[in-house]
Structures are given as structure tokens and as C-alpha cells.
Amino acid sequence: MFKYPYQRLIAIALFTALSVSACTSRREYVAAAEVRPMAVETININTADAAELERVPRIGPKTAANIIRYRTENGPFRRVEHLMQVRGISEKRFLQMSPYLRTE
């Protein structure tokens, strides 16, 4: 199969390197999953004041004020997804905030 003896050594070295890196990356994913919090406190976006909204990742004072202004002008949010109608909240930003939000 191998014409020269060093080709076999190179093949073994490559196989070993790939095996070790595959095992290492799996361990990192498992460790990252264990760090993730199990219970997430959610905030009702229809009743929360500015201070409560600012506790949510990616919501600062300006965004909290925009949410409250939108809520007072248009009424309560029927679904959390309607938060994307607020100025300054894109779909990407919403996806980062959504695990912490709820409506009732």
C-alpha cells in the first residue's frame, strides 16, 4: 500500500492528530453546555418598567424607553415577536433577547 516507509508514519501521525482534535472539540462543546444556566428568569414586556427591561441582555436605557413608549402608544404586546416592531430592535437582536422575555 505504501511505497516508502515514511508514508506509513505520516498516515499514522495524521490519523492520530485528527482523532485527538475530534475528541478535544467534543469536550469543549460538552463543557460549554454545562455552563449554560438551566433556569432563565423571564420578564413580562407588558408590565415591566425601564429598570426591569434593562436587566435583559441587549436592552439599554434607550431601548427600554422605546419599548415603553411603543407599549403606551399601541397597547400591550400580544406576542413577544411583536417587539421587533419597536425602533432599534432587529431580528438578530430580538433572537438574543427572546429567551428572557414573555407576554401574558
PDB file of N, CA and C in Angstrom:
ATOM      1  N   MET A   1       0.819  -1.181   0.000  1.00  0.00           N
ATOM      2  CA  MET A   1       0.000   0.000   0.000  1.00  0.00           C
ATOM      3  C   MET A   1       0.875   1.261   0.000  1.00  0.00           C
ATOM      4  N   PHE A   2       1.847   1.306   0.868  1.00  0.00           N
ATOM      5  CA  PHE A   2       2.763   2.444   0.912  1.00  0.00           C
ATOM      6  C   PHE A   2       4.057   2.084   0.198  1.00  0.00           C
ATOM      7  N   LYS A   3       4.492   2.961  -0.656  1.00  0.00           N
ATOM      8  CA  LYS A   3       5.705   2.703  -1.419  1.00  0.00           C
ATOM      9  C   LYS A   3       6.952   2.909  -0.562  1.00  0.00           C
ATOM     10  N   TYR A   4       6.902   3.941   0.307  1.00  0.00           N
ATOM     11  CA  TYR A   4       8.051   4.251   1.158  1.00  0.00           C
ATOM     12  C   TYR A   4       7.644   4.125   2.631  1.00  0.00           C
ATOM     13  N   PRO A   5       8.567   3.735   3.518  1.00  0.00           N
ATOM     14  CA  PRO A   5       8.220   3.528   4.931  1.00  0.00           C
ATOM     15  C   PRO A   5       7.756   4.801   5.631  1.00  0.00           C
ATOM     16  N   TYR A   6       8.281   5.946   5.251  1.00  0.00           N
ATOM     17  CA  TYR A   6       7.884   7.182   5.939  1.00  0.00           C
ATOM     18  C   TYR A   6       6.438   7.576   5.619  1.00  0.00           C
ATOM     19  N   GLN A   7       5.881   7.098   4.508  1.00  0.00           N
ATOM     20  CA  GLN A   7       4.489   7.408   4.182  1.00  0.00           C
ATOM     21  C   GLN A   7       3.542   6.795   5.214  1.00  0.00           C
ATOM     22  N   ARG A   8       3.896   5.628   5.693  1.00  0.00           N
ATOM     23  CA  ARG A   8       3.060   4.975   6.716  1.00  0.00           C
ATOM     24  C   ARG A   8       3.099   5.788   8.014  1.00  0.00           C
ATOM     25  N   LEU A   9       4.275   6.283   8.380  1.00  0.00           N
ATOM     26  CA  LEU A   9       4.400   7.093   9.591  1.00  0.00           C
ATOM     27  C   LEU A   9       3.602   8.394   9.470  1.00  0.00           C
ATOM     28  N   ILE A  10       3.641   8.997   8.311  1.00  0.00           N
ATOM     29  CA  ILE A  10       2.872  10.227   8.094  1.00  0.00           C
ATOM     30  C   ILE A  10       1.372   9.945   8.204  1.00  0.00           C
ATOM     31  N   ALA A  11       0.917   8.854   7.637  1.00  0.00           N
ATOM     32  CA  ALA A  11      -0.502   8.486   7.707  1.00  0.00           C
ATOM     33  C   ALA A  11      -0.930   8.244   9.147  1.00  0.00           C
ATOM     34  N   ILE A  12      -0.114   7.571   9.918  1.00  0.00           N
ATOM     35  CA  ILE A  12      -0.424   7.313  11.330  1.00  0.00           C
ATOM     36  C   ILE A  12      -0.452   8.619  12.119  1.00  0.00           C
ATOM     37  N   ALA A  13       0.504   9.503  11.854  1.00  0.00           N
ATOM     38  CA  ALA A  13       0.551  10.787  12.553  1.00  0.00           C
ATOM     39  C   ALA A  13      -0.690  11.625  12.238  1.00  0.00           C
ATOM     40  N   LEU A  14      -1.110  11.666  10.973  1.00  0.00           N
ATOM     41  CA  LEU A  14      -2.304  12.426  10.594  1.00  0.00           C
ATOM     42  C   LEU A  14      -3.565  11.847  11.238  1.00  0.00           C
ATOM     43  N   PHE A  15      -3.676  10.518  11.216  1.00  0.00           N
ATOM     44  CA  PHE A  15      -4.832   9.884  11.832  1.00  0.00           C
ATOM     45  C   PHE A  15      -4.896  10.184  13.333  1.00  0.00           C
ATOM     46  N   THR A  16      -3.770  10.121  14.007  1.00  0.00           N
ATOM     47  CA  THR A  16      -3.714  10.410  15.444  1.00  0.00           C
ATOM     48  C   THR A  16      -4.081  11.863  15.721  1.00  0.00           C
ATOM     49  N   ALA A  17      -3.554  12.774  14.921  1.00  0.00           N
ATOM     50  CA  ALA A  17      -3.855  14.197  15.122  1.00  0.00           C
ATOM     51  C   ALA A  17      -5.340  14.475  14.931  1.00  0.00           C
ATOM     52  N   LEU A  18      -5.947  13.891  13.920  1.00  0.00           N
ATOM     53  CA  LEU A  18      -7.378  14.090  13.686  1.00  0.00           C
ATOM     54  C   LEU A  18      -8.214  13.487  14.811  1.00  0.00           C
ATOM     55  N   SER A  19      -7.829  12.337  15.287  1.00  0.00           N
ATOM     56  CA  SER A  19      -8.570  11.694  16.374  1.00  0.00           C
ATOM     57  C   SER A  19      -8.516  12.527  17.649  1.00  0.00           C
ATOM     58  N   VAL A  20      -7.338  13.035  17.970  1.00  0.00           N
ATOM     59  CA  VAL A  20      -7.178  13.832  19.185  1.00  0.00           C
ATOM     60  C   VAL A  20      -7.960  15.135  19.085  1.00  0.00           C
ATOM     61  N   SER A  21      -7.912  15.799  17.937  1.00  0.00           N
ATOM     62  CA  SER A  21      -8.629  17.075  17.799  1.00  0.00           C
ATOM     63  C   SER A  21     -10.130  16.859  17.849  1.00  0.00           C
ATOM     64  N   ALA A  22     -10.632  15.763  17.310  1.00  0.00           N
ATOM     65  CA  ALA A  22     -12.068  15.487  17.364  1.00  0.00           C
ATOM     66  C   ALA A  22     -12.522  15.272  18.802  1.00  0.00           C
ATOM     67  N   CYS A  23     -11.747  14.558  19.578  1.00  0.00           N
ATOM     68  CA  CYS A  23     -12.094  14.312  20.977  1.00  0.00           C
ATOM     69  C   CYS A  23     -12.042  15.606  21.788  1.00  0.00           C
ATOM     70  N   THR A  24     -11.060  16.440  21.519  1.00  0.00           N
ATOM     71  CA  THR A  24     -10.914  17.692  22.251  1.00  0.00           C
ATOM     72  C   THR A  24     -12.064  18.631  21.963  1.00  0.00           C
ATOM     73  N   SER A  25     -12.476  18.763  20.699  1.00  0.00           N
ATOM     74  CA  SER A  25     -13.560  19.684  20.369  1.00  0.00           C
ATOM     75  C   SER A  25     -14.873  19.219  20.991  1.00  0.00           C
ATOM     76  N   ARG A  26     -15.130  17.931  21.039  1.00  0.00           N
ATOM     77  CA  ARG A  26     -16.353  17.440  21.665  1.00  0.00           C
ATOM     78  C   ARG A  26     -16.379  17.795  23.134  1.00  0.00           C
ATOM     79  N   ARG A  27     -15.232  17.676  23.803  1.00  0.00           N
ATOM     80  CA  ARG A  27     -15.160  18.006  25.219  1.00  0.00           C
ATOM     81  C   ARG A  27     -15.483  19.479  25.449  1.00  0.00           C
ATOM     82  N   GLU A  28     -15.023  20.344  24.558  1.00  0.00           N
ATOM     83  CA  GLU A  28     -15.296  21.775  24.704  1.00  0.00           C
ATOM     84  C   GLU A  28     -16.769  22.068  24.556  1.00  0.00           C
ATOM     85  N   TYR A  29     -17.463  21.404  23.621  1.00  0.00           N
ATOM     86  CA  TYR A  29     -18.895  21.616  23.462  1.00  0.00           C
ATOM     87  C   TYR A  29     -19.666  21.135  24.683  1.00  0.00           C
ATOM     88  N   VAL A  30     -19.270  20.014  25.232  1.00  0.00           N
ATOM     89  CA  VAL A  30     -19.939  19.498  26.428  1.00  0.00           C
ATOM     90  C   VAL A  30     -19.713  20.453  27.593  1.00  0.00           C
ATOM     91  N   ALA A  31     -18.506  20.964  27.750  1.00  0.00           N
ATOM     92  CA  ALA A  31     -18.214  21.897  28.835  1.00  0.00           C
ATOM     93  C   ALA A  31     -19.007  23.186  28.664  1.00  0.00           C
ATOM     94  N   ALA A  32     -19.147  23.674  27.444  1.00  0.00           N
ATOM     95  CA  ALA A  32     -19.918  24.897  27.207  1.00  0.00           C
ATOM     96  C   ALA A  32     -21.390  24.675  27.532  1.00  0.00           C
ATOM     97  N   ALA A  33     -21.926  23.507  27.245  1.00  0.00           N
ATOM     98  CA  ALA A  33     -23.331  23.222  27.540  1.00  0.00           C
ATOM     99  C   ALA A  33     -23.575  23.153  29.043  1.00  0.00           C
ATOM    100  N   GLU A  34     -22.596  22.700  29.801  1.00  0.00           N
ATOM    101  CA  GLU A  34     -22.771  22.597  31.239  1.00  0.00           C
ATOM    102  C   GLU A  34     -22.750  23.957  31.921  1.00  0.00           C
ATOM    103  N   VAL A  35     -22.108  24.947  31.319  1.00  0.00           N
ATOM    104  CA  VAL A  35     -22.013  26.279  31.904  1.00  0.00           C
ATOM    105  C   VAL A  35     -23.315  27.049  31.740  1.00  0.00           C
ATOM    106  N   ARG A  36     -24.080  26.729  30.715  1.00  0.00           N
ATOM    107  CA  ARG A  36     -25.322  27.428  30.420  1.00  0.00           C
ATOM    108  C   ARG A  36     -26.298  27.307  31.594  1.00  0.00           C
ATOM    109  N   PRO A  37     -26.926  28.412  32.003  1.00  0.00           N
ATOM    110  CA  PRO A  37     -27.865  28.346  33.118  1.00  0.00           C
ATOM    111  C   PRO A  37     -29.093  27.526  32.753  1.00  0.00           C
ATOM    112  N   MET A  38     -29.568  26.766  33.707  1.00  0.00           N
ATOM    113  CA  MET A  38     -30.702  25.891  33.450  1.00  0.00           C
ATOM    114  C   MET A  38     -32.030  26.650  33.501  1.00  0.00           C
ATOM    115  N   ALA A  39     -32.198  27.548  34.452  1.00  0.00           N
ATOM    116  CA  ALA A  39     -33.443  28.293  34.585  1.00  0.00           C
ATOM    117  C   ALA A  39     -33.179  29.756  34.247  1.00  0.00           C
ATOM    118  N   VAL A  40     -33.991  30.292  33.356  1.00  0.00           N
ATOM    119  CA  VAL A  40     -33.831  31.671  32.947  1.00  0.00           C
ATOM    120  C   VAL A  40     -35.029  32.458  33.460  1.00  0.00           C
ATOM    121  N   GLU A  41     -34.756  33.550  34.160  1.00  0.00           N
ATOM    122  CA  GLU A  41     -35.830  34.404  34.637  1.00  0.00           C
ATOM    123  C   GLU A  41     -36.355  35.209  33.457  1.00  0.00           C
ATOM    124  N   THR A  42     -37.663  35.161  33.238  1.00  0.00           N
ATOM    125  CA  THR A  42     -38.251  35.903  32.137  1.00  0.00           C
ATOM    126  C   THR A  42     -38.974  37.134  32.665  1.00  0.00           C
ATOM    127  N   ILE A  43     -39.053  38.145  31.816  1.00  0.00           N
ATOM    128  CA  ILE A  43     -39.684  39.411  32.184  1.00  0.00           C
ATOM    129  C   ILE A  43     -40.875  39.635  31.270  1.00  0.00           C
ATOM    130  N   ASN A  44     -41.996  40.021  31.859  1.00  0.00           N
ATOM    131  CA  ASN A  44     -43.192  40.325  31.088  1.00  0.00           C
ATOM    132  C   ASN A  44     -43.012  41.704  30.468  1.00  0.00           C
ATOM    133  N   ILE A  45     -42.964  41.772  29.150  1.00  0.00           N
ATOM    134  CA  ILE A  45     -42.706  43.048  28.484  1.00  0.00           C
ATOM    135  C   ILE A  45     -43.897  43.992  28.540  1.00  0.00           C
ATOM    136  N   ASN A  46     -45.053  43.512  28.958  1.00  0.00           N
ATOM    137  CA  ASN A  46     -46.232  44.380  29.058  1.00  0.00           C
ATOM    138  C   ASN A  46     -46.333  45.087  30.401  1.00  0.00           C
ATOM    139  N   THR A  47     -45.668  44.578  31.414  1.00  0.00           N
ATOM    140  CA  THR A  47     -45.773  45.182  32.742  1.00  0.00           C
ATOM    141  C   THR A  47     -44.436  45.689  33.289  1.00  0.00           C
ATOM    142  N   ALA A  48     -43.349  45.366  32.623  1.00  0.00           N
ATOM    143  CA  ALA A  48     -42.017  45.722  33.133  1.00  0.00           C
ATOM    144  C   ALA A  48     -41.751  47.214  32.998  1.00  0.00           C
ATOM    145  N   ASP A  49     -41.104  47.778  34.025  1.00  0.00           N
ATOM    146  CA  ASP A  49     -40.671  49.167  33.924  1.00  0.00           C
ATOM    147  C   ASP A  49     -39.280  49.201  33.289  1.00  0.00           C
ATOM    148  N   ALA A  50     -38.730  50.398  33.151  1.00  0.00           N
ATOM    149  CA  ALA A  50     -37.441  50.562  32.463  1.00  0.00           C
ATOM    150  C   ALA A  50     -36.317  49.798  33.162  1.00  0.00           C
ATOM    151  N   ALA A  51     -36.293  49.817  34.490  1.00  0.00           N
ATOM    152  CA  ALA A  51     -35.226  49.136  35.226  1.00  0.00           C
ATOM    153  C   ALA A  51     -35.269  47.629  34.997  1.00  0.00           C
ATOM    154  N   GLU A  52     -36.463  47.048  34.972  1.00  0.00           N
ATOM    155  CA  GLU A  52     -36.594  45.610  34.722  1.00  0.00           C
ATOM    156  C   GLU A  52     -36.169  45.260  33.297  1.00  0.00           C
ATOM    157  N   LEU A  53     -36.571  46.078  32.344  1.00  0.00           N
ATOM    158  CA  LEU A  53     -36.214  45.813  30.953  1.00  0.00           C
ATOM    159  C   LEU A  53     -34.701  45.904  30.740  1.00  0.00           C
ATOM    160  N   GLU A  54     -34.048  46.787  31.438  1.00  0.00           N
ATOM    161  CA  GLU A  54     -32.600  46.958  31.277  1.00  0.00           C
ATOM    162  C   GLU A  54     -31.809  45.773  31.823  1.00  0.00           C
ATOM    163  N   ARG A  55     -32.428  44.926  32.626  1.00  0.00           N
ATOM    164  CA  ARG A  55     -31.743  43.719  33.114  1.00  0.00           C
ATOM    165  C   ARG A  55     -31.606  42.667  32.024  1.00  0.00           C
ATOM    166  N   VAL A  56     -32.385  42.810  30.956  1.00  0.00           N
ATOM    167  CA  VAL A  56     -32.332  41.857  29.845  1.00  0.00           C
ATOM    168  C   VAL A  56     -31.115  42.179  28.978  1.00  0.00           C
ATOM    169  N   PRO A  57     -30.354  41.163  28.574  1.00  0.00           N
ATOM    170  CA  PRO A  57     -29.216  41.420  27.692  1.00  0.00           C
ATOM    171  C   PRO A  57     -29.665  42.109  26.406  1.00  0.00           C
ATOM    172  N   ARG A  58     -28.863  43.045  25.936  1.00  0.00           N
ATOM    173  CA  ARG A  58     -29.082  43.792  24.701  1.00  0.00           C
ATOM    174  C   ARG A  58     -30.160  44.868  24.815  1.00  0.00           C
ATOM    175  N   ILE A  59     -30.660  45.145  26.029  1.00  0.00           N
ATOM    176  CA  ILE A  59     -31.599  46.249  26.231  1.00  0.00           C
ATOM    177  C   ILE A  59     -30.940  47.262  27.151  1.00  0.00           C
ATOM    178  N   GLY A  60     -30.743  48.458  26.620  1.00  0.00           N
ATOM    179  CA  GLY A  60     -30.186  49.554  27.393  1.00  0.00           C
ATOM    180  C   GLY A  60     -31.265  50.569  27.714  1.00  0.00           C
ATOM    181  N   PRO A  61     -30.905  51.711  28.282  1.00  0.00           N
ATOM    182  CA  PRO A  61     -31.901  52.722  28.654  1.00  0.00           C
ATOM    183  C   PRO A  61     -32.712  53.235  27.465  1.00  0.00           C
ATOM    184  N   LYS A  62     -32.061  53.448  26.334  1.00  0.00           N
ATOM    185  CA  LYS A  62     -32.763  53.974  25.160  1.00  0.00           C
ATOM    186  C   LYS A  62     -33.764  52.954  24.603  1.00  0.00           C
ATOM    187  N   THR A  63     -33.356  51.709  24.508  1.00  0.00           N
ATOM    188  CA  THR A  63     -34.254  50.666  24.003  1.00  0.00           C
ATOM    189  C   THR A  63     -35.401  50.431  24.967  1.00  0.00           C
ATOM    190  N   ALA A  64     -35.132  50.464  26.271  1.00  0.00           N
ATOM    191  CA  ALA A  64     -36.197  50.306  27.267  1.00  0.00           C
ATOM    192  C   ALA A  64     -37.217  51.432  27.122  1.00  0.00           C
ATOM    193  N   ALA A  65     -36.743  52.649  26.927  1.00  0.00           N
ATOM    194  CA  ALA A  65     -37.653  53.784  26.739  1.00  0.00           C
ATOM    195  C   ALA A  65     -38.469  53.615  25.462  1.00  0.00           C
ATOM    196  N   ASN A  66     -37.849  53.117  24.392  1.00  0.00           N
ATOM    197  CA  ASN A  66     -38.580  52.883  23.143  1.00  0.00           C
ATOM    198  C   ASN A  66     -39.654  51.813  23.306  1.00  0.00           C
ATOM    199  N   ILE A  67     -39.350  50.766  24.074  1.00  0.00           N
ATOM    200  CA  ILE A  67     -40.337  49.700  24.324  1.00  0.00           C
ATOM    201  C   ILE A  67     -41.524  50.254  25.097  1.00  0.00           C
ATOM    202  N   ILE A  68     -41.251  51.023  26.143  1.00  0.00           N
ATOM    203  CA  ILE A  68     -42.333  51.581  26.962  1.00  0.00           C
ATOM    204  C   ILE A  68     -43.159  52.572  26.145  1.00  0.00           C
ATOM    205  N   ARG A  69     -42.507  53.403  25.342  1.00  0.00           N
ATOM    206  CA  ARG A  69     -43.225  54.367  24.507  1.00  0.00           C
ATOM    207  C   ARG A  69     -44.126  53.644  23.510  1.00  0.00           C
ATOM    208  N   TYR A  70     -43.610  52.606  22.856  1.00  0.00           N
ATOM    209  CA  TYR A  70     -44.394  51.837  21.895  1.00  0.00           C
ATOM    210  C   TYR A  70     -45.591  51.184  22.583  1.00  0.00           C
ATOM    211  N   ARG A  71     -45.363  50.650  23.776  1.00  0.00           N
ATOM    212  CA  ARG A  71     -46.422  49.969  24.526  1.00  0.00           C
ATOM    213  C   ARG A  71     -47.528  50.937  24.925  1.00  0.00           C
ATOM    214  N   THR A  72     -47.181  52.161  25.346  1.00  0.00           N
ATOM    215  CA  THR A  72     -48.210  53.123  25.754  1.00  0.00           C
ATOM    216  C   THR A  72     -48.975  53.669  24.553  1.00  0.00           C
ATOM    217  N   GLU A  73     -48.302  53.806  23.403  1.00  0.00           N
ATOM    218  CA  GLU A  73     -48.980  54.323  22.211  1.00  0.00           C
ATOM    219  C   GLU A  73     -49.832  53.283  21.504  1.00  0.00           C
ATOM    220  N   ASN A  74     -49.427  52.021  21.520  1.00  0.00           N
ATOM    221  CA  ASN A  74     -50.096  50.977  20.733  1.00  0.00           C
ATOM    222  C   ASN A  74     -50.784  49.900  21.563  1.00  0.00           C
ATOM    223  N   GLY A  75     -50.692  49.962  22.858  1.00  0.00           N
ATOM    224  CA  GLY A  75     -51.289  48.935  23.709  1.00  0.00           C
ATOM    225  C   GLY A  75     -50.315  47.807  23.978  1.00  0.00           C
ATOM    226  N   PRO A  76     -50.737  46.833  24.769  1.00  0.00           N
ATOM    227  CA  PRO A  76     -49.829  45.741  25.163  1.00  0.00           C
ATOM    228  C   PRO A  76     -49.446  44.857  23.974  1.00  0.00           C
ATOM    229  N   PHE A  77     -48.291  44.249  24.092  1.00  0.00           N
ATOM    230  CA  PHE A  77     -47.821  43.310  23.076  1.00  0.00           C
ATOM    231  C   PHE A  77     -48.612  42.014  23.203  1.00  0.00           C
ATOM    232  N   ARG A  78     -49.102  41.491  22.090  1.00  0.00           N
ATOM    233  CA  ARG A  78     -49.821  40.216  22.133  1.00  0.00           C
ATOM    234  C   ARG A  78     -48.863  39.034  22.076  1.00  0.00           C
ATOM    235  N   ARG A  79     -47.746  39.220  21.387  1.00  0.00           N
ATOM    236  CA  ARG A  79     -46.720  38.181  21.276  1.00  0.00           C
ATOM    237  C   ARG A  79     -45.363  38.826  21.458  1.00  0.00           C
ATOM    238  N   VAL A  80     -44.416  38.061  21.920  1.00  0.00           N
ATOM    239  CA  VAL A  80     -43.064  38.574  22.131  1.00  0.00           C
ATOM    240  C   VAL A  80     -42.450  39.008  20.793  1.00  0.00           C
ATOM    241  N   GLU A  81     -42.790  38.327  19.712  1.00  0.00           N
ATOM    242  CA  GLU A  81     -42.239  38.637  18.396  1.00  0.00           C
ATOM    243  C   GLU A  81     -42.611  40.049  17.943  1.00  0.00           C
ATOM    244  N   HIS A  82     -43.711  40.599  18.458  1.00  0.00           N
ATOM    245  CA  HIS A  82     -44.129  41.951  18.086  1.00  0.00           C
ATOM    246  C   HIS A  82     -43.149  43.004  18.590  1.00  0.00           C
ATOM    247  N   LEU A  83     -42.247  42.611  19.454  1.00  0.00           N
ATOM    248  CA  LEU A  83     -41.220  43.529  19.946  1.00  0.00           C
ATOM    249  C   LEU A  83     -40.317  44.009  18.809  1.00  0.00           C
ATOM    250  N   MET A  84     -40.244  43.253  17.722  1.00  0.00           N
ATOM    251  CA  MET A  84     -39.419  43.660  16.585  1.00  0.00           C
ATOM    252  C   MET A  84     -40.002  44.884  15.862  1.00  0.00           C
ATOM    253  N   GLN A  85     -41.217  45.279  16.196  1.00  0.00           N
ATOM    254  CA  GLN A  85     -41.804  46.485  15.612  1.00  0.00           C
ATOM    255  C   GLN A  85     -41.292  47.748  16.296  1.00  0.00           C
ATOM    256  N   VAL A  86     -40.632  47.584  17.425  1.00  0.00           N
ATOM    257  CA  VAL A  86     -40.066  48.721  18.157  1.00  0.00           C
ATOM    258  C   VAL A  86     -38.810  49.183  17.434  1.00  0.00           C
ATOM    259  N   ARG A  87     -38.659  50.476  17.326  1.00  0.00           N
ATOM    260  CA  ARG A  87     -37.490  51.042  16.654  1.00  0.00           C
ATOM    261  C   ARG A  87     -36.209  50.624  17.387  1.00  0.00           C
ATOM    262  N   GLY A  88     -35.237  50.117  16.625  1.00  0.00           N
ATOM    263  CA  GLY A  88     -33.951  49.737  17.187  1.00  0.00           C
ATOM    264  C   GLY A  88     -33.824  48.266  17.528  1.00  0.00           C
ATOM    265  N   ILE A  89     -34.888  47.476  17.343  1.00  0.00           N
ATOM    266  CA  ILE A  89     -34.814  46.043  17.656  1.00  0.00           C
ATOM    267  C   ILE A  89     -34.908  45.266  16.343  1.00  0.00           C
ATOM    268  N   SER A  90     -33.774  44.738  15.920  1.00  0.00           N
ATOM    269  CA  SER A  90     -33.722  43.935  14.702  1.00  0.00           C
ATOM    270  C   SER A  90     -34.024  42.477  15.041  1.00  0.00           C
ATOM    271  N   GLU A  91     -34.124  41.665  14.009  1.00  0.00           N
ATOM    272  CA  GLU A  91     -34.394  40.242  14.240  1.00  0.00           C
ATOM    273  C   GLU A  91     -33.230  39.592  14.986  1.00  0.00           C
ATOM    274  N   LYS A  92     -32.016  39.956  14.610  1.00  0.00           N
ATOM    275  CA  LYS A  92     -30.835  39.388  15.273  1.00  0.00           C
ATOM    276  C   LYS A  92     -30.813  39.766  16.753  1.00  0.00           C
ATOM    277  N   ARG A  93     -31.075  41.012  17.037  1.00  0.00           N
ATOM    278  CA  ARG A  93     -31.096  41.473  18.425  1.00  0.00           C
ATOM    279  C   ARG A  93     -32.235  40.822  19.201  1.00  0.00           C
ATOM    280  N   PHE A  94     -33.391  40.684  18.547  1.00  0.00           N
ATOM    281  CA  PHE A  94     -34.529  40.046  19.191  1.00  0.00           C
ATOM    282  C   PHE A  94     -34.214  38.604  19.572  1.00  0.00           C
ATOM    283  N   LEU A  95     -33.544  37.878  18.692  1.00  0.00           N
ATOM    284  CA  LEU A  95     -33.215  36.481  18.983  1.00  0.00           C
ATOM    285  C   LEU A  95     -32.306  36.348  20.191  1.00  0.00           C
ATOM    286  N   GLN A  96     -31.471  37.348  20.434  1.00  0.00           N
ATOM    287  CA  GLN A  96     -30.602  37.325  21.609  1.00  0.00           C
ATOM    288  C   GLN A  96     -31.380  37.645  22.882  1.00  0.00           C
ATOM    289  N   MET A  97     -32.440  38.434  22.768  1.00  0.00           N
ATOM    290  CA  MET A  97     -33.221  38.835  23.945  1.00  0.00           C
ATOM    291  C   MET A  97     -34.372  37.887  24.268  1.00  0.00           C
ATOM    292  N   SER A  98     -34.902  37.221  23.269  1.00  0.00           N
ATOM    293  CA  SER A  98     -36.157  36.476  23.408  1.00  0.00           C
ATOM    294  C   SER A  98     -36.189  35.430  24.532  1.00  0.00           C
ATOM    295  N   PRO A  99     -35.094  34.745  24.879  1.00  0.00           N
ATOM    296  CA  PRO A  99     -35.199  33.770  25.978  1.00  0.00           C
ATOM    297  C   PRO A  99     -35.539  34.414  27.317  1.00  0.00           C
ATOM    298  N   TYR A 100     -35.372  35.726  27.440  1.00  0.00           N
ATOM    299  CA  TYR A 100     -35.591  36.413  28.710  1.00  0.00           C
ATOM    300  C   TYR A 100     -36.931  37.150  28.756  1.00  0.00           C
ATOM    301  N   LEU A 101     -37.733  37.043  27.704  1.00  0.00           N
ATOM    302  CA  LEU A 101     -38.962  37.828  27.608  1.00  0.00           C
ATOM    303  C   LEU A 101     -40.184  36.956  27.494  1.00  0.00           C
ATOM    304  N   ARG A 102     -41.317  37.494  27.946  1.00  0.00           N
ATOM    305  CA  ARG A 102     -42.601  36.803  27.819  1.00  0.00           C
ATOM    306  C   ARG A 102     -43.726  37.828  27.792  1.00  0.00           C
ATOM    307  N   THR A 103     -44.909  37.398  27.370  1.00  0.00           N
ATOM    308  CA  THR A 103     -46.118  38.202  27.459  1.00  0.00           C
ATOM    309  C   THR A 103     -47.160  37.377  28.198  1.00  0.00           C
ATOM    310  N   GLU A 104     -48.100  38.069  28.801  1.00  0.00           N
ATOM    311  CA  GLU A 104     -49.189  37.350  29.499  1.00  0.00           C
ATOM    312  C   GLU A 104     -50.502  37.992  29.206  1.00  0.00           C
TER     313      GLU A 104
END
